[in-house]
Amino acid sequence: MNHRDEMARKIALLRSTGAVEELERRWEDADEDPPYATYAVVEIADGAEPSREWAGGLGEFYRLTAAASFGGVDVRPEEQVKPSRPVDSEGEPIDDRTWLRIGDIGYEDALLMDEASGEVIVYVNSYFKYGWDSSVVLRCADVPEFIDTVAIGPRHKEIRGPVDRQSEPWWETDPWYSYLIEAGLVAGEAE
């Protein structure tokens, strides 16, 4: 599968079908605050030429959208990308790679990219509180794979940790995940 083409296709589809406006309308029409009302359901900025070469397809993402939010997954604008040093429960670095914080998952967790290889991980800072073995809850080879399969895809429900370790299936009432199913970007699931 060509994740670069799929990333571009999905972002174009969200723009052309009015996903931003539709989700804003749903938010306003809700009888009460929807679940996870602390994040923008979807925002897609205009694209921009990146100021430098980026590993892992990040530059291609910025050409499509200079920043975006996809249901609690926020990809930061280029000028906000900063080095980050993920640590384990004992405060030791998880490895010797140079990680960049390219985004956020909610308010506590980080979307990190290895500066050299472009590998993308979701890093959960408080993983040990949940009894998980690792702070890295998912990995993708690069930014296009992450956008295609996680931010705008079926693995979105993994952004808060392993699905089988979640206390409740939050994605069943999540407005973004519901929209992904309705728009045909995620196949309906009978789990």
Protein backbone atom coordinates (compact mmCIF):
# COMPACT_ATOMS: atom_id res chain seq x y z
CA MET A 1 0.00 0.00 0.00
CA ASN A 2 1.22 3.48 -0.81
CA HIS A 3 0.64 5.43 2.40
CA ARG A 4 1.83 8.69 0.82
CA ASP A 5 -0.89 8.55 -1.83
CA GLU A 6 -3.49 7.45 0.71
CA MET A 7 -2.53 10.28 3.10
CA ALA A 8 -2.98 12.81 0.29
CA ARG A 9 -6.23 11.21 -0.88
CA LYS A 10 -7.75 11.14 2.61
CA ILE A 11 -6.83 14.74 3.42
CA ALA A 12 -8.26 15.87 0.07
CA LEU A 13 -11.41 13.83 0.73
CA LEU A 14 -11.90 15.41 4.16
CA ARG A 15 -11.59 18.86 2.59
CA SER A 16 -13.86 18.14 -0.37
CA THR A 17 -16.61 16.54 1.67
CA GLY A 18 -16.75 19.31 4.29
CA ALA A 19 -15.63 17.14 7.22
CA VAL A 20 -14.54 20.16 9.28
CA GLU A 21 -17.89 21.91 8.92
CA GLU A 22 -19.88 18.69 9.44
CA LEU A 23 -18.13 17.84 12.68
CA GLU A 24 -18.46 21.43 13.91
CA ARG A 25 -22.20 21.23 13.18
CA ARG A 26 -22.51 17.96 15.07
CA TRP A 27 -20.66 19.49 18.01
CA GLU A 28 -23.05 22.46 18.10
CA ASP A 29 -26.14 20.24 17.72
CA ALA A 30 -25.16 17.88 20.54
CA ASP A 31 -27.50 17.90 23.54
CA GLU A 32 -24.52 17.82 25.86
CA ASP A 33 -20.78 18.06 25.53
CA PRO A 34 -19.65 15.15 23.38
CA PRO A 35 -17.07 12.77 24.79
CA TYR A 36 -13.56 14.19 24.81
CA ALA A 37 -14.88 17.74 24.33
CA THR A 38 -11.44 19.10 25.12
CA TYR A 39 -10.05 18.65 21.61
CA ALA A 40 -10.84 19.94 18.14
CA VAL A 41 -12.45 17.09 16.26
CA VAL A 42 -10.89 18.03 12.93
CA GLU A 43 -8.94 21.00 11.62
CA ILE A 44 -6.93 21.05 8.41
CA ALA A 45 -4.73 24.06 7.65
CA ASP A 46 -3.63 24.98 4.14
CA GLY A 47 -0.42 23.38 3.01
CA ALA A 48 2.93 25.16 2.99
CA GLU A 49 6.41 24.50 1.68
CA PRO A 50 8.55 23.26 4.58
CA SER A 51 11.62 25.29 5.51
CA ARG A 52 13.88 22.22 5.53
CA GLU A 53 14.07 18.60 4.48
CA TRP A 54 12.36 16.23 6.91
CA ALA A 55 12.75 12.49 7.25
CA GLY A 56 9.76 10.20 7.21
CA GLY A 57 7.46 12.11 4.88
CA LEU A 58 6.86 14.97 7.33
CA GLY A 59 7.66 17.50 4.60
CA GLU A 60 5.08 15.89 2.33
CA PHE A 61 2.52 16.19 5.12
CA TYR A 62 3.32 19.91 5.53
CA ARG A 63 2.86 20.45 1.79
CA LEU A 64 -0.67 19.06 2.19
CA THR A 65 -1.48 20.79 5.48
CA ALA A 66 0.80 22.98 7.58
CA ALA A 67 -0.89 21.63 10.74
CA ALA A 68 -3.89 19.47 11.46
CA SER A 69 -6.05 17.90 14.15
CA PHE A 70 -7.68 14.55 13.59
CA GLY A 71 -9.80 13.57 16.59
CA GLY A 72 -7.33 14.16 19.40
CA VAL A 73 -4.26 13.68 17.19
CA ASP A 74 -2.65 17.08 16.66
CA VAL A 75 0.23 17.41 14.22
CA ARG A 76 2.10 20.59 15.10
CA PRO A 77 3.09 23.28 12.62
CA GLU A 78 6.72 23.03 11.52
CA GLU A 79 7.88 25.91 13.72
CA GLN A 80 6.60 24.07 16.82
CA VAL A 81 8.49 20.82 16.18
CA LYS A 82 10.94 20.44 19.06
CA PRO A 83 13.43 17.82 20.28
CA SER A 84 12.00 15.49 22.91
CA ARG A 85 13.60 12.89 25.15
CA PRO A 86 11.13 10.11 25.99
CA VAL A 87 11.98 8.30 29.22
CA ASP A 88 10.94 5.08 30.92
CA SER A 89 9.36 4.74 34.38
CA GLU A 90 12.76 5.21 36.01
CA GLY A 91 13.48 8.43 34.13
CA GLU A 92 15.99 6.84 31.76
CA PRO A 93 15.84 7.56 28.00
CA ILE A 94 13.99 4.80 26.14
CA ASP A 95 16.81 4.62 23.57
CA ASP A 96 19.67 6.69 22.15
CA ARG A 97 17.80 8.06 19.14
CA THR A 98 17.01 11.72 18.55
CA TRP A 99 13.25 12.15 18.81
CA LEU A 100 11.27 15.17 17.68
CA ARG A 101 7.88 16.04 19.09
CA ILE A 102 5.81 16.57 15.96
CA GLY A 103 2.45 16.50 17.69
CA ASP A 104 0.27 15.66 20.62
CA ILE A 105 -2.22 12.99 21.52
CA GLY A 106 -4.71 14.74 23.76
CA TYR A 107 -2.99 16.90 26.36
CA GLU A 108 -0.60 14.44 27.97
CA ASP A 109 0.83 12.13 25.34
CA ALA A 110 3.23 12.82 22.51
CA LEU A 111 3.51 12.10 18.81
CA LEU A 112 7.23 11.62 18.24
CA MET A 113 9.32 11.11 15.12
CA ASP A 114 12.86 9.75 14.96
CA GLU A 115 14.82 12.54 13.31
CA ALA A 116 17.02 10.16 11.30
CA SER A 117 14.68 7.37 10.18
CA GLY A 118 11.31 9.14 10.26
CA GLU A 119 9.74 6.38 12.38
CA VAL A 120 6.71 7.69 14.28
CA ILE A 121 5.62 6.59 17.75
CA VAL A 122 2.87 7.48 20.19
CA TYR A 123 4.52 7.95 23.58
CA VAL A 124 2.36 7.69 26.72
CA ASN A 125 4.21 9.39 29.55
CA SER A 126 2.27 7.71 32.37
CA TYR A 127 2.21 4.20 30.89
CA PHE A 128 3.44 2.60 34.13
CA LYS A 129 0.27 3.78 35.93
CA TYR A 130 -1.70 1.46 33.65
CA GLY A 131 0.60 -1.51 34.12
CA TRP A 132 1.77 -1.43 30.51
CA ASP A 133 5.19 -2.78 29.60
CA SER A 134 6.20 0.13 27.39
CA SER A 135 5.62 3.85 26.97
CA VAL A 136 5.43 3.36 23.20
CA VAL A 137 1.86 2.32 22.43
CA LEU A 138 2.16 2.22 18.64
CA ARG A 139 4.73 2.53 15.89
CA CYS A 140 4.55 3.47 12.23
CA ALA A 141 7.36 3.47 9.69
CA ASP A 142 6.77 7.13 8.80
CA VAL A 143 4.36 10.07 8.89
CA PRO A 144 2.28 9.01 5.84
CA GLU A 145 1.66 5.56 7.36
CA PHE A 146 0.68 7.19 10.67
CA ILE A 147 -1.74 9.63 9.01
CA ASP A 148 -3.23 6.96 6.73
CA THR A 149 -3.65 4.17 9.28
CA VAL A 150 -3.94 5.96 12.64
CA ALA A 151 -4.97 9.62 12.39
CA ILE A 152 -7.42 8.95 9.53
CA GLY A 153 -7.68 5.20 9.74
CA PRO A 154 -8.63 2.05 11.61
CA ARG A 155 -5.76 2.19 14.10
CA HIS A 156 -7.08 5.48 15.54
CA LYS A 157 -8.50 3.59 18.49
CA GLU A 158 -4.93 2.62 19.48
CA ILE A 159 -3.86 6.21 20.29
CA ARG A 160 -4.64 5.71 23.97
CA GLY A 161 -2.91 2.38 24.30
CA PRO A 162 -3.49 -1.23 23.40
CA VAL A 163 -7.15 -1.77 22.54
CA ASP A 164 -7.34 -4.93 24.65
CA ARG A 165 -6.00 -3.01 27.67
CA GLN A 166 -8.49 -0.11 27.53
CA SER A 167 -10.94 0.09 30.43
CA GLU A 168 -13.74 0.92 28.00
CA PRO A 169 -14.12 1.12 24.22
CA TRP A 170 -14.00 4.95 24.10
CA TRP A 171 -13.86 4.92 20.29
CA GLU A 172 -17.46 3.65 20.13
CA THR A 173 -18.72 7.10 21.18
CA ASP A 174 -15.84 9.17 19.83
CA PRO A 175 -17.16 11.64 17.23
CA TRP A 176 -14.05 11.41 15.04
CA TYR A 177 -13.95 7.62 14.96
CA SER A 178 -17.69 7.52 14.23
CA TYR A 179 -17.15 9.92 11.35
CA LEU A 180 -14.30 7.80 9.97
CA ILE A 181 -16.67 4.82 9.84
CA GLU A 182 -19.50 6.85 8.26
CA ALA A 183 -17.15 8.31 5.63
CA GLY A 184 -15.90 4.85 4.73
CA LEU A 185 -12.36 5.61 5.93
CA VAL A 186 -12.64 2.81 8.50
CA ALA A 187 -14.63 -0.33 7.88
CA GLY A 188 -17.46 -0.83 10.38
CA GLU A 189 -16.42 -3.23 13.08
CA ALA A 190 -18.31 -5.76 15.10
CA GLU A 191 -16.04 -6.22 18.07
